[in-house]
Amino acid sequence: MTPKLPLPFSGAQGNISEKTLAIHHDKLYVGYVDKKDEISEKLKALSHGGDVSAANQSYSELRALKDGETFAVNGTYLHEWYFENLGGDGKPMDKIASALADKYGSMENFLKYFAACGMAARGWVVLAWDTHDKALKIYNGDAHNQGGVWGAIPLLVLDVYEHAYFIDFGSDRKTYIQEFINHINWSVVEQRYLAAI
């Protein structure tokens, strides 16, 4: 069983309400963890002598499970990173702030571009350290298992699915993104960055 991580902070994050965060964490995130475990058990049975003779690329039980696996695993991990990098005061730390300013011309440019990527994505925005290019990159994903880049280590994760903001902001995603930015825990992002490089 995968441990379900608790929220690393308590209470609302500005105008991102405690109710939204509780539903997001306790229902959606926990649901991904449960599905991850369920799929893992079914794959274990198949990989330990189960009947895989019908496996094919159009449709088979194995294909469906393998597709569901990446969706549930990424749904789990992305939510964990999202919640971990919330709960701060929005003030960037030294090394990551300097690296972002170098990459984007200024911290203001980075935040403007990151927010715009949030408006352009259907699911996720991830500031990552790309281990292939040895560079900071922002990648968008329209689904948990779409848009991610192998070899890229997430540093800052923003959930832009409607469930993350609709209760509090309606269809005003732009205001939600700004509220998220105001409550980034940059200490967590800094630690991730230093570990990645």
Foldseek 3Di string as FASTA:
>chain_A
DDDQDDQPADAALVLQGNVLVCCCRVPQLVVLVVLLVVLVVVVVCCVVDNDPVPDDDPDDPVNVSVVSNQQSVLSNVLVVLASVFFAAQLDADDPVQVQQCVVQVHSVRSLVVQLVLLVVALFKWFFWQQQVVRHTDIWGANGSNGTDDPRTGGLHMDTNHCSSPCVRQNPPSSVVSVSRSRGTNNVSSVVSVVVSD
